[in-house]
């Protein structure tokens, strides 16, 4: 059975990227894209057959968890995967308490995104195969399907998650593309180190590379965040 997905994301590029990612995963289809909490609520009222919501927490007209409360009160019991940059422990705890089945932190690669959807699909398949009266092993297997079987693809040797987060934050906060030298200055590293992280993000499809011509006439590479 195909899983119908509503993407709720206020940033246009991110919304388009997430929808395209959904289309690339077998067994999933995009039911719609909402850029605000109000738009998401209206879509679900008109199309209650949505199975899964990919929910950003930072929406222009309210918090994602407030939207989730609103949807539950209206009787919408579709599953939710948080797709967000919100790293606050309280937000994570509240999300779990309100039934968010998976939590995907930005930035992420398509491989990570696909893995989350595949685990969710396995969870649904487990539930579909369970008889009406469950035993403990049935429940354990269904919930176990949601958990990653590995820690995900490790970073290349010599790279750290903290430095990658610093580079990501600099790019996300920039109005235009930045060079490796500009990023290096912002995070206090060498140009070579910054460029390595930037190239990694570009290879993961999170950053766009483009030539930028300066006064010297020699082009340099500018890196722009895509989400």
Foldseek 3Di string as FASTA:
>chain_A
DAAEEEEEAQDPLVQVVVQVLQVPAPRYHYPYYHNALVRVVVSCVVPVRHQEYAFEQDGPVHGRLVSLVVCVVVPRPHEYEYEYQDPDPVVVVSCVVSHHLYYHHPPDFSVVVNQQVQLVVQLVVLVVPADPDHDPVSVCSSSVSNDDPDPPDDDPPPDDPVVLVLLVVVQVPDPFFAFLVVSCVSVVHDSVVSVVSLVVCVVRVQWDWDWDADPVRDTTITIHGRD
